């Protein structure tokens, strides 16, 4: 499925239920944070199991929730998701040039 098709499906789901009235930026941002916390919860008490492979289905479900709320917030803000992602990658490429950042996990200010 193309991103635009998935995005349209999310918006149609919302609009069919007349939920736009409840989707202000503050509440959508809160929902993103809450769903991200549920994704993080998958790893709680996992010890050395950093990938939690046996919980992939739950990770996928929670990741979908995060992405859905991100799509809804982007729609509410009137921004194009692929464009803002592309712009951010360009910004990050300037902060983290390959010759300095490759194989290095330090923050750009420490490179």
PDB file of N, CA and C in Angstrom:
ATOM      1  N   UNK A   1       0.848  -1.179   0.000  1.00  0.00           N
ATOM      2  CA  UNK A   1       0.000   0.000   0.000  1.00  0.00           C
ATOM      3  C   UNK A   1       0.891   1.240   0.000  1.00  0.00           C
ATOM      4  N   UNK A   2       0.541   2.206  -0.774  1.00  0.00           N
ATOM      5  CA  UNK A   2       1.266   3.477  -0.808  1.00  0.00           C
ATOM      6  C   UNK A   2       0.914   4.303   0.432  1.00  0.00           C
ATOM      7  N   UNK A   3       1.850   5.168   0.834  1.00  0.00           N
ATOM      8  CA  UNK A   3       1.616   5.995   2.010  1.00  0.00           C
ATOM      9  C   UNK A   3       0.363   6.849   1.843  1.00  0.00           C
ATOM     10  N   UNK A   4       0.196   7.446   0.673  1.00  0.00           N
ATOM     11  CA  UNK A   4      -0.952   8.326   0.448  1.00  0.00           C
ATOM     12  C   UNK A   4      -2.272   7.578   0.623  1.00  0.00           C
ATOM     13  N   UNK A   5      -2.304   6.320   0.206  1.00  0.00           N
ATOM     14  CA  UNK A   5      -3.525   5.519   0.363  1.00  0.00           C
ATOM     15  C   UNK A   5      -3.813   5.258   1.841  1.00  0.00           C
ATOM     16  N   UNK A   6      -2.764   4.930   2.597  1.00  0.00           N
ATOM     17  CA  UNK A   6      -2.936   4.695   4.034  1.00  0.00           C
ATOM     18  C   UNK A   6      -3.368   5.982   4.736  1.00  0.00           C
ATOM     19  N   UNK A   7      -2.746   7.089   4.353  1.00  0.00           N
ATOM     20  CA  UNK A   7      -3.093   8.390   4.927  1.00  0.00           C
ATOM     21  C   UNK A   7      -4.567   8.715   4.655  1.00  0.00           C
ATOM     22  N   UNK A   8      -5.015   8.508   3.434  1.00  0.00           N
ATOM     23  CA  UNK A   8      -6.415   8.765   3.079  1.00  0.00           C
ATOM     24  C   UNK A   8      -7.366   7.861   3.857  1.00  0.00           C
ATOM     25  N   UNK A   9      -6.947   6.632   4.094  1.00  0.00           N
ATOM     26  CA  UNK A   9      -7.778   5.690   4.859  1.00  0.00           C
ATOM     27  C   UNK A   9      -7.943   6.165   6.301  1.00  0.00           C
ATOM     28  N   UNK A  10      -6.867   6.663   6.893  1.00  0.00           N
ATOM     29  CA  UNK A  10      -6.931   7.190   8.262  1.00  0.00           C
ATOM     30  C   UNK A  10      -7.873   8.387   8.327  1.00  0.00           C
ATOM     31  N   UNK A  11      -7.723   9.303   7.383  1.00  0.00           N
ATOM     32  CA  UNK A  11      -8.548  10.511   7.371  1.00  0.00           C
ATOM     33  C   UNK A  11     -10.018  10.155   7.144  1.00  0.00           C
ATOM     34  N   UNK A  12     -10.280   9.224   6.241  1.00  0.00           N
ATOM     35  CA  UNK A  12     -11.660   8.798   5.986  1.00  0.00           C
ATOM     36  C   UNK A  12     -12.269   8.141   7.226  1.00  0.00           C
ATOM     37  N   UNK A  13     -11.491   7.314   7.911  1.00  0.00           N
ATOM     38  CA  UNK A  13     -11.953   6.678   9.142  1.00  0.00           C
ATOM     39  C   UNK A  13     -12.379   7.749  10.149  1.00  0.00           C
ATOM     40  N   UNK A  14     -11.524   8.762  10.318  1.00  0.00           N
ATOM     41  CA  UNK A  14     -11.840   9.867  11.232  1.00  0.00           C
ATOM     42  C   UNK A  14     -13.085  10.624  10.785  1.00  0.00           C
ATOM     43  N   UNK A  15     -13.128  10.978   9.524  1.00  0.00           N
ATOM     44  CA  UNK A  15     -14.227  11.789   9.018  1.00  0.00           C
ATOM     45  C   UNK A  15     -15.559  11.054   9.045  1.00  0.00           C
ATOM     46  N   UNK A  16     -15.543   9.740   8.770  1.00  0.00           N
ATOM     47  CA  UNK A  16     -16.774   8.949   8.817  1.00  0.00           C
ATOM     48  C   UNK A  16     -17.400   8.964  10.209  1.00  0.00           C
ATOM     49  N   UNK A  17     -16.585   9.153  11.209  1.00  0.00           N
ATOM     50  CA  UNK A  17     -17.058   9.147  12.599  1.00  0.00           C
ATOM     51  C   UNK A  17     -17.226  10.551  13.171  1.00  0.00           C
ATOM     52  N   UNK A  18     -16.959  11.557  12.364  1.00  0.00           N
ATOM     53  CA  UNK A  18     -17.062  12.959  12.788  1.00  0.00           C
ATOM     54  C   UNK A  18     -16.198  13.228  14.020  1.00  0.00           C
ATOM     55  N   UNK A  19     -14.946  12.743  13.985  1.00  0.00           N
ATOM     56  CA  UNK A  19     -14.036  12.906  15.106  1.00  0.00           C
ATOM     57  C   UNK A  19     -13.093  14.094  14.954  1.00  0.00           C
ATOM     58  N   UNK A  20     -13.105  14.775  13.820  1.00  0.00           N
ATOM     59  CA  UNK A  20     -12.213  15.927  13.643  1.00  0.00           C
ATOM     60  C   UNK A  20     -12.404  16.939  14.764  1.00  0.00           C
ATOM     61  N   UNK A  21     -13.640  17.090  15.217  1.00  0.00           N
ATOM     62  CA  UNK A  21     -13.941  18.055  16.277  1.00  0.00           C
ATOM     63  C   UNK A  21     -13.175  17.776  17.571  1.00  0.00           C
ATOM     64  N   UNK A  22     -12.740  16.544  17.762  1.00  0.00           N
ATOM     65  CA  UNK A  22     -12.008  16.171  18.969  1.00  0.00           C
ATOM     66  C   UNK A  22     -10.492  16.183  18.780  1.00  0.00           C
ATOM     67  N   UNK A  23     -10.068  16.345  17.536  1.00  0.00           N
ATOM     68  CA  UNK A  23      -8.653  16.186  17.201  1.00  0.00           C
ATOM     69  C   UNK A  23      -7.923  17.524  17.112  1.00  0.00           C
ATOM     70  N   UNK A  24      -7.753  18.157  18.253  1.00  0.00           N
ATOM     71  CA  UNK A  24      -6.958  19.382  18.296  1.00  0.00           C
ATOM     72  C   UNK A  24      -5.485  18.992  18.455  1.00  0.00           C
ATOM     73  N   UNK A  25      -4.562  19.891  18.087  1.00  0.00           N
ATOM     74  CA  UNK A  25      -3.137  19.540  18.160  1.00  0.00           C
ATOM     75  C   UNK A  25      -2.670  19.070  19.539  1.00  0.00           C
ATOM     76  N   UNK A  26      -3.154  19.695  20.602  1.00  0.00           N
ATOM     77  CA  UNK A  26      -2.739  19.292  21.950  1.00  0.00           C
ATOM     78  C   UNK A  26      -3.112  17.844  22.233  1.00  0.00           C
ATOM     79  N   UNK A  27      -4.363  17.493  21.984  1.00  0.00           N
ATOM     80  CA  UNK A  27      -4.804  16.130  22.293  1.00  0.00           C
ATOM     81  C   UNK A  27      -4.163  15.101  21.369  1.00  0.00           C
ATOM     82  N   UNK A  28      -3.915  15.467  20.130  1.00  0.00           N
ATOM     83  CA  UNK A  28      -3.235  14.540  19.231  1.00  0.00           C
ATOM     84  C   UNK A  28      -1.786  14.326  19.665  1.00  0.00           C
ATOM     85  N   UNK A  29      -1.110  15.394  20.088  1.00  0.00           N
ATOM     86  CA  UNK A  29       0.265  15.256  20.575  1.00  0.00           C
ATOM     87  C   UNK A  29       0.299  14.379  21.831  1.00  0.00           C
ATOM     88  N   UNK A  30      -0.663  14.560  22.720  1.00  0.00           N
ATOM     89  CA  UNK A  30      -0.757  13.714  23.916  1.00  0.00           C
ATOM     90  C   UNK A  30      -0.968  12.261  23.503  1.00  0.00           C
ATOM     91  N   UNK A  31      -1.837  12.032  22.531  1.00  0.00           N
ATOM     92  CA  UNK A  31      -2.116  10.670  22.082  1.00  0.00           C
ATOM     93  C   UNK A  31      -0.875  10.021  21.475  1.00  0.00           C
ATOM     94  N   UNK A  32      -0.087  10.794  20.734  1.00  0.00           N
ATOM     95  CA  UNK A  32       1.162  10.259  20.180  1.00  0.00           C
ATOM     96  C   UNK A  32       2.071   9.810  21.312  1.00  0.00           C
ATOM     97  N   UNK A  33       2.205  10.644  22.324  1.00  0.00           N
ATOM     98  CA  UNK A  33       3.071  10.320  23.454  1.00  0.00           C
ATOM     99  C   UNK A  33       2.574   9.083  24.203  1.00  0.00           C
ATOM    100  N   UNK A  34       1.278   8.997  24.418  1.00  0.00           N
ATOM    101  CA  UNK A  34       0.713   7.841  25.122  1.00  0.00           C
ATOM    102  C   UNK A  34       0.917   6.550  24.340  1.00  0.00           C
ATOM    103  N   UNK A  35       0.687   6.607  23.043  1.00  0.00           N
ATOM    104  CA  UNK A  35       0.882   5.404  22.219  1.00  0.00           C
ATOM    105  C   UNK A  35       2.355   5.025  22.137  1.00  0.00           C
ATOM    106  N   UNK A  36       3.238   6.034  22.092  1.00  0.00           N
ATOM    107  CA  UNK A  36       4.676   5.749  22.093  1.00  0.00           C
ATOM    108  C   UNK A  36       5.083   5.078  23.402  1.00  0.00           C
ATOM    109  N   UNK A  37       4.459   5.488  24.498  1.00  0.00           N
ATOM    110  CA  UNK A  37       4.725   4.850  25.789  1.00  0.00           C
ATOM    111  C   UNK A  37       4.261   3.395  25.777  1.00  0.00           C
ATOM    112  N   UNK A  38       3.153   3.120  25.121  1.00  0.00           N
ATOM    113  CA  UNK A  38       2.686   1.732  25.009  1.00  0.00           C
ATOM    114  C   UNK A  38       3.652   0.904  24.173  1.00  0.00           C
ATOM    115  N   UNK A  39       4.238   1.513  23.157  1.00  0.00           N
ATOM    116  CA  UNK A  39       5.264   0.821  22.368  1.00  0.00           C
ATOM    117  C   UNK A  39       6.480   0.537  23.247  1.00  0.00           C
ATOM    118  N   UNK A  40       6.885   1.492  24.030  1.00  0.00           N
ATOM    119  CA  UNK A  40       8.024   1.312  24.930  1.00  0.00           C
ATOM    120  C   UNK A  40       7.740   0.252  25.984  1.00  0.00           C
ATOM    121  N   UNK A  41       6.498   0.151  26.392  1.00  0.00           N
ATOM    122  CA  UNK A  41       6.113  -0.829  27.408  1.00  0.00           C
ATOM    123  C   UNK A  41       6.421  -2.258  26.960  1.00  0.00           C
ATOM    124  N   UNK A  42       6.424  -2.490  25.658  1.00  0.00           N
ATOM    125  CA  UNK A  42       6.739  -3.825  25.128  1.00  0.00           C
ATOM    126  C   UNK A  42       8.121  -4.275  25.622  1.00  0.00           C
ATOM    127  N   UNK A  43       9.023  -3.327  25.792  1.00  0.00           N
ATOM    128  CA  UNK A  43      10.392  -3.648  26.183  1.00  0.00           C
ATOM    129  C   UNK A  43      10.613  -3.634  27.697  1.00  0.00           C
ATOM    130  N   UNK A  44       9.608  -3.206  28.444  1.00  0.00           N
ATOM    131  CA  UNK A  44       9.758  -3.142  29.889  1.00  0.00           C
ATOM    132  C   UNK A  44      10.066  -4.519  30.449  1.00  0.00           C
ATOM    133  N   UNK A  45      11.037  -4.603  31.293  1.00  0.00           N
ATOM    134  CA  UNK A  45      11.480  -5.819  31.967  1.00  0.00           C
ATOM    135  C   UNK A  45      12.015  -6.871  30.997  1.00  0.00           C
ATOM    136  N   UNK A  46      12.455  -6.444  29.829  1.00  0.00           N
ATOM    137  CA  UNK A  46      12.960  -7.415  28.854  1.00  0.00           C
ATOM    138  C   UNK A  46      14.418  -7.772  29.089  1.00  0.00           C
ATOM    139  N   UNK A  47      15.053  -7.127  30.038  1.00  0.00           N
ATOM    140  CA  UNK A  47      16.446  -7.448  30.361  1.00  0.00           C
ATOM    141  C   UNK A  47      17.367  -7.252  29.178  1.00  0.00           C
ATOM    142  N   UNK A  48      18.072  -8.295  28.829  1.00  0.00           N
ATOM    143  CA  UNK A  48      19.039  -8.197  27.732  1.00  0.00           C
ATOM    144  C   UNK A  48      18.409  -8.439  26.365  1.00  0.00           C
ATOM    145  N   UNK A  49      17.131  -8.757  26.320  1.00  0.00           N
ATOM    146  CA  UNK A  49      16.437  -8.980  25.049  1.00  0.00           C
ATOM    147  C   UNK A  49      16.090  -7.626  24.428  1.00  0.00           C
ATOM    148  N   UNK A  50      17.025  -7.053  23.701  1.00  0.00           N
ATOM    149  CA  UNK A  50      16.860  -5.707  23.170  1.00  0.00           C
ATOM    150  C   UNK A  50      15.899  -5.627  21.992  1.00  0.00           C
ATOM    151  N   UNK A  51      15.653  -6.717  21.303  1.00  0.00           N
ATOM    152  CA  UNK A  51      14.769  -6.680  20.135  1.00  0.00           C
ATOM    153  C   UNK A  51      13.362  -7.183  20.428  1.00  0.00           C
ATOM    154  N   UNK A  52      13.171  -7.895  21.528  1.00  0.00           N
ATOM    155  CA  UNK A  52      11.853  -8.419  21.928  1.00  0.00           C
ATOM    156  C   UNK A  52      11.120  -9.052  20.743  1.00  0.00           C
ATOM    157  N   UNK A  53      11.837  -9.873  20.001  1.00  0.00           N
ATOM    158  CA  UNK A  53      11.288 -10.472  18.775  1.00  0.00           C
ATOM    159  C   UNK A  53       9.982 -11.219  19.004  1.00  0.00           C
ATOM    160  N   UNK A  54       9.817 -11.827  20.160  1.00  0.00           N
ATOM    161  CA  UNK A  54       8.595 -12.580  20.432  1.00  0.00           C
ATOM    162  C   UNK A  54       7.388 -11.664  20.642  1.00  0.00           C
ATOM    163  N   UNK A  55       7.631 -10.362  20.675  1.00  0.00           N
ATOM    164  CA  UNK A  55       6.547  -9.397  20.867  1.00  0.00           C
ATOM    165  C   UNK A  55       6.364  -8.506  19.635  1.00  0.00           C
ATOM    166  N   UNK A  56       6.806  -8.976  18.499  1.00  0.00           N
ATOM    167  CA  UNK A  56       6.745  -8.149  17.291  1.00  0.00           C
ATOM    168  C   UNK A  56       5.317  -7.740  16.947  1.00  0.00           C
ATOM    169  N   UNK A  57       4.365  -8.634  17.078  1.00  0.00           N
ATOM    170  CA  UNK A  57       2.971  -8.295  16.739  1.00  0.00           C
ATOM    171  C   UNK A  57       2.478  -7.114  17.567  1.00  0.00           C
ATOM    172  N   UNK A  58       2.801  -7.115  18.842  1.00  0.00           N
ATOM    173  CA  UNK A  58       2.385  -5.999  19.706  1.00  0.00           C
ATOM    174  C   UNK A  58       3.121  -4.721  19.324  1.00  0.00           C
ATOM    175  N   UNK A  59       4.411  -4.837  19.004  1.00  0.00           N
ATOM    176  CA  UNK A  59       5.169  -3.658  18.574  1.00  0.00           C
ATOM    177  C   UNK A  59       4.560  -3.055  17.317  1.00  0.00           C
ATOM    178  N   UNK A  60       4.191  -3.900  16.370  1.00  0.00           N
ATOM    179  CA  UNK A  60       3.602  -3.426  15.120  1.00  0.00           C
ATOM    180  C   UNK A  60       2.274  -2.719  15.388  1.00  0.00           C
ATOM    181  N   UNK A  61       1.469  -3.289  16.260  1.00  0.00           N
ATOM    182  CA  UNK A  61       0.183  -2.679  16.592  1.00  0.00           C
ATOM    183  C   UNK A  61       0.368  -1.311  17.242  1.00  0.00           C
ATOM    184  N   UNK A  62       1.286  -1.211  18.186  1.00  0.00           N
ATOM    185  CA  UNK A  62       1.521   0.072  18.865  1.00  0.00           C
ATOM    186  C   UNK A  62       2.165   1.082  17.928  1.00  0.00           C
ATOM    187  N   UNK A  63       3.071   0.625  17.061  1.00  0.00           N
ATOM    188  CA  UNK A  63       3.679   1.512  16.080  1.00  0.00           C
ATOM    189  C   UNK A  63       2.627   2.068  15.133  1.00  0.00           C
ATOM    190  N   UNK A  64       1.678   1.230  14.734  1.00  0.00           N
ATOM    191  CA  UNK A  64       0.581   1.699  13.875  1.00  0.00           C
ATOM    192  C   UNK A  64      -0.215   2.787  14.575  1.00  0.00           C
ATOM    193  N   UNK A  65      -0.483   2.618  15.874  1.00  0.00           N
ATOM    194  CA  UNK A  65      -1.216   3.648  16.620  1.00  0.00           C
ATOM    195  C   UNK A  65      -0.447   4.968  16.629  1.00  0.00           C
ATOM    196  N   UNK A  66       0.860   4.903  16.861  1.00  0.00           N
ATOM    197  CA  UNK A  66       1.690   6.114  16.860  1.00  0.00           C
ATOM    198  C   UNK A  66       1.612   6.790  15.492  1.00  0.00           C
ATOM    199  N   UNK A  67       1.773   6.013  14.447  1.00  0.00           N
ATOM    200  CA  UNK A  67       1.767   6.575  13.090  1.00  0.00           C
ATOM    201  C   UNK A  67       0.409   7.161  12.720  1.00  0.00           C
ATOM    202  N   UNK A  68      -0.656   6.504  13.131  1.00  0.00           N
ATOM    203  CA  UNK A  68      -2.002   7.025  12.846  1.00  0.00           C
ATOM    204  C   UNK A  68      -2.184   8.391  13.488  1.00  0.00           C
ATOM    205  N   UNK A  69      -1.802   8.512  14.757  1.00  0.00           N
ATOM    206  CA  UNK A  69      -1.931   9.816  15.405  1.00  0.00           C
ATOM    207  C   UNK A  69      -1.017  10.857  14.774  1.00  0.00           C
ATOM    208  N   UNK A  70       0.144  10.439  14.300  1.00  0.00           N
ATOM    209  CA  UNK A  70       1.036  11.374  13.595  1.00  0.00           C
ATOM    210  C   UNK A  70       0.386  11.867  12.301  1.00  0.00           C
ATOM    211  N   UNK A  71      -0.239  10.972  11.574  1.00  0.00           N
ATOM    212  CA  UNK A  71      -0.951  11.363  10.349  1.00  0.00           C
ATOM    213  C   UNK A  71      -2.071  12.347  10.676  1.00  0.00           C
ATOM    214  N   UNK A  72      -2.811  12.069  11.730  1.00  0.00           N
ATOM    215  CA  UNK A  72      -3.915  12.953  12.119  1.00  0.00           C
ATOM    216  C   UNK A  72      -3.410  14.333  12.547  1.00  0.00           C
ATOM    217  N   UNK A  73      -2.296  14.371  13.274  1.00  0.00           N
ATOM    218  CA  UNK A  73      -1.736  15.655  13.678  1.00  0.00           C
ATOM    219  C   UNK A  73      -1.214  16.420  12.463  1.00  0.00           C
ATOM    220  N   UNK A  74      -0.547  15.734  11.565  1.00  0.00           N
ATOM    221  CA  UNK A  74      -0.054  16.389  10.352  1.00  0.00           C
ATOM    222  C   UNK A  74      -1.206  16.966   9.542  1.00  0.00           C
ATOM    223  N   UNK A  75      -2.290  16.208   9.442  1.00  0.00           N
ATOM    224  CA  UNK A  75      -3.469  16.704   8.725  1.00  0.00           C
ATOM    225  C   UNK A  75      -4.021  17.948   9.404  1.00  0.00           C
ATOM    226  N   UNK A  76      -4.121  17.895  10.715  1.00  0.00           N
ATOM    227  CA  UNK A  76      -4.667  19.030  11.465  1.00  0.00           C
ATOM    228  C   UNK A  76      -3.791  20.279  11.320  1.00  0.00           C
ATOM    229  N   UNK A  77      -2.467  20.062  11.239  1.00  0.00           N
ATOM    230  CA  UNK A  77      -1.529  21.172  11.071  1.00  0.00           C
ATOM    231  C   UNK A  77      -1.406  21.622   9.607  1.00  0.00           C
ATOM    232  N   UNK A  78      -1.977  20.817   8.704  1.00  0.00           N
ATOM    233  CA  UNK A  78      -1.917  21.155   7.287  1.00  0.00           C
ATOM    234  C   UNK A  78      -0.539  20.964   6.675  1.00  0.00           C
ATOM    235  N   UNK A  79       0.181  19.947   7.150  1.00  0.00           N
ATOM    236  CA  UNK A  79       1.517  19.692   6.614  1.00  0.00           C
ATOM    237  C   UNK A  79       1.546  18.366   5.859  1.00  0.00           C
ATOM    238  N   UNK A  80       2.455  18.289   4.916  1.00  0.00           N
ATOM    239  CA  UNK A  80       2.637  17.110   4.080  1.00  0.00           C
ATOM    240  C   UNK A  80       3.679  16.206   4.733  1.00  0.00           C
ATOM    241  N   UNK A  81       3.274  15.011   5.160  1.00  0.00           N
ATOM    242  CA  UNK A  81       4.155  14.126   5.911  1.00  0.00           C
ATOM    243  C   UNK A  81       5.412  13.754   5.125  1.00  0.00           C
ATOM    244  N   UNK A  82       5.314  13.262   3.890  1.00  0.00           N
ATOM    245  CA  UNK A  82       6.552  12.945   3.174  1.00  0.00           C
ATOM    246  C   UNK A  82       7.485  14.156   3.034  1.00  0.00           C
ATOM    247  N   UNK A  83       6.922  15.340   2.862  1.00  0.00           N
ATOM    248  CA  UNK A  83       7.762  16.533   2.715  1.00  0.00           C
ATOM    249  C   UNK A  83       8.471  16.890   4.008  1.00  0.00           C
ATOM    250  N   UNK A  84       7.763  16.845   5.141  1.00  0.00           N
ATOM    251  CA  UNK A  84       8.420  17.217   6.390  1.00  0.00           C
ATOM    252  C   UNK A  84       9.459  16.164   6.800  1.00  0.00           C
ATOM    253  N   UNK A  85       9.220  14.905   6.444  1.00  0.00           N
ATOM    254  CA  UNK A  85      10.221  13.866   6.709  1.00  0.00           C
ATOM    255  C   UNK A  85      11.455  14.138   5.856  1.00  0.00           C
ATOM    256  N   UNK A  86      11.246  14.416   4.587  1.00  0.00           N
ATOM    257  CA  UNK A  86      12.364  14.708   3.696  1.00  0.00           C
ATOM    258  C   UNK A  86      13.153  15.921   4.180  1.00  0.00           C
ATOM    259  N   UNK A  87      12.445  16.975   4.571  1.00  0.00           N
ATOM    260  CA  UNK A  87      13.108  18.180   5.071  1.00  0.00           C
ATOM    261  C   UNK A  87      13.944  17.871   6.321  1.00  0.00           C
ATOM    262  N   UNK A  88      13.391  17.065   7.219  1.00  0.00           N
ATOM    263  CA  UNK A  88      14.107  16.731   8.451  1.00  0.00           C
ATOM    264  C   UNK A  88      15.340  15.883   8.160  1.00  0.00           C
ATOM    265  N   UNK A  89      15.241  14.951   7.219  1.00  0.00           N
ATOM    266  CA  UNK A  89      16.412  14.145   6.848  1.00  0.00           C
ATOM    267  C   UNK A  89      17.493  15.050   6.261  1.00  0.00           C
ATOM    268  N   UNK A  90      17.099  16.029   5.451  1.00  0.00           N
ATOM    269  CA  UNK A  90      18.069  16.988   4.908  1.00  0.00           C
ATOM    270  C   UNK A  90      18.753  17.765   6.026  1.00  0.00           C
ATOM    271  N   UNK A  91      17.976  18.223   7.000  1.00  0.00           N
ATOM    272  CA  UNK A  91      18.537  18.941   8.148  1.00  0.00           C
ATOM    273  C   UNK A  91      19.498  18.049   8.926  1.00  0.00           C
ATOM    274  N   UNK A  92      19.093  16.807   9.159  1.00  0.00           N
ATOM    275  CA  UNK A  92      19.950  15.868   9.882  1.00  0.00           C
ATOM    276  C   UNK A  92      21.225  15.549   9.109  1.00  0.00           C
ATOM    277  N   UNK A  93      21.131  15.510   7.781  1.00  0.00           N
ATOM    278  CA  UNK A  93      22.317  15.242   6.960  1.00  0.00           C
ATOM    279  C   UNK A  93      23.352  16.350   7.130  1.00  0.00           C
ATOM    280  N   UNK A  94      22.886  17.567   7.324  1.00  0.00           N
ATOM    281  CA  UNK A  94      23.803  18.680   7.577  1.00  0.00           C
ATOM    282  C   UNK A  94      24.421  18.572   8.964  1.00  0.00           C
ATOM    283  N   UNK A  95      23.631  18.172   9.945  1.00  0.00           N
ATOM    284  CA  UNK A  95      24.126  18.037  11.319  1.00  0.00           C
ATOM    285  C   UNK A  95      25.055  16.835  11.475  1.00  0.00           C
ATOM    286  N   UNK A  96      24.779  15.791  10.716  1.00  0.00           N
ATOM    287  CA  UNK A  96      25.510  14.533  10.840  1.00  0.00           C
ATOM    288  C   UNK A  96      26.130  14.133   9.500  1.00  0.00           C
ATOM    289  N   UNK A  97      27.162  14.851   9.044  1.00  0.00           N
ATOM    290  CA  UNK A  97      27.791  14.470   7.776  1.00  0.00           C
ATOM    291  C   UNK A  97      28.397  13.068   7.887  1.00  0.00           C
ATOM    292  N   UNK A  98      28.301  12.321   6.818  1.00  0.00           N
ATOM    293  CA  UNK A  98      28.745  10.924   6.813  1.00  0.00           C
ATOM    294  C   UNK A  98      30.173  10.795   7.315  1.00  0.00           C
ATOM    295  N   UNK A  99      31.044  11.676   6.851  1.00  0.00           N
ATOM    296  CA  UNK A  99      32.458  11.548   7.228  1.00  0.00           C
ATOM    297  C   UNK A  99      32.707  11.718   8.728  1.00  0.00           C
ATOM    298  N   UNK A 100      31.795  12.351   9.441  1.00  0.00           N
ATOM    299  CA  UNK A 100      31.944  12.517  10.887  1.00  0.00           C
ATOM    300  C   UNK A 100      31.059  11.561  11.679  1.00  0.00           C
ATOM    301  N   UNK A 101      29.905  11.235  11.148  1.00  0.00           N
ATOM    302  CA  UNK A 101      28.906  10.503  11.932  1.00  0.00           C
ATOM    303  C   UNK A 101      28.881   9.000  11.676  1.00  0.00           C
ATOM    304  N   UNK A 102      29.447   8.543  10.593  1.00  0.00           N
ATOM    305  CA  UNK A 102      29.350   7.115  10.253  1.00  0.00           C
ATOM    306  C   UNK A 102      29.928   6.246  11.367  1.00  0.00           C
ATOM    307  N   UNK A 103      29.091   5.370  11.898  1.00  0.00           N
ATOM    308  CA  UNK A 103      29.498   4.455  12.956  1.00  0.00           C
ATOM    309  C   UNK A 103      29.671   5.119  14.312  1.00  0.00           C
ATOM    310  N   UNK A 104      29.207   6.357  14.446  1.00  0.00           N
ATOM    311  CA  UNK A 104      29.386   7.127  15.679  1.00  0.00           C
ATOM    312  C   UNK A 104      28.017   7.530  16.206  1.00  0.00           C
ATOM    313  N   UNK A 105      27.743   7.267  17.465  1.00  0.00           N
ATOM    314  CA  UNK A 105      26.427   7.572  18.024  1.00  0.00           C
ATOM    315  C   UNK A 105      26.369   8.905  18.777  1.00  0.00           C
ATOM    316  N   UNK A 106      27.445   9.674  18.710  1.00  0.00           N
ATOM    317  CA  UNK A 106      27.449  10.951  19.431  1.00  0.00           C
ATOM    318  C   UNK A 106      26.495  11.951  18.809  1.00  0.00           C
ATOM    319  N   UNK A 107      25.996  12.860  19.644  1.00  0.00           N
ATOM    320  CA  UNK A 107      25.143  13.944  19.180  1.00  0.00           C
ATOM    321  C   UNK A 107      25.963  14.870  18.284  1.00  0.00           C
ATOM    322  N   UNK A 108      25.270  15.512  17.343  1.00  0.00           N
ATOM    323  CA  UNK A 108      25.942  16.370  16.367  1.00  0.00           C
ATOM    324  C   UNK A 108      26.842  17.412  17.010  1.00  0.00           C
ATOM    325  N   UNK A 109      26.469  17.920  18.172  1.00  0.00           N
ATOM    326  CA  UNK A 109      27.273  18.947  18.825  1.00  0.00           C
ATOM    327  C   UNK A 109      28.604  18.392  19.355  1.00  0.00           C
ATOM    328  N   UNK A 110      28.725  17.084  19.434  1.00  0.00           N
ATOM    329  CA  UNK A 110      29.955  16.466  19.926  1.00  0.00           C
ATOM    330  C   UNK A 110      30.817  15.916  18.786  1.00  0.00           C
ATOM    331  N   UNK A 111      30.341  16.004  17.571  1.00  0.00           N
ATOM    332  CA  UNK A 111      31.113  15.437  16.452  1.00  0.00           C
ATOM    333  C   UNK A 111      32.294  16.318  16.116  1.00  0.00           C
TER     334      UNK A 111
END
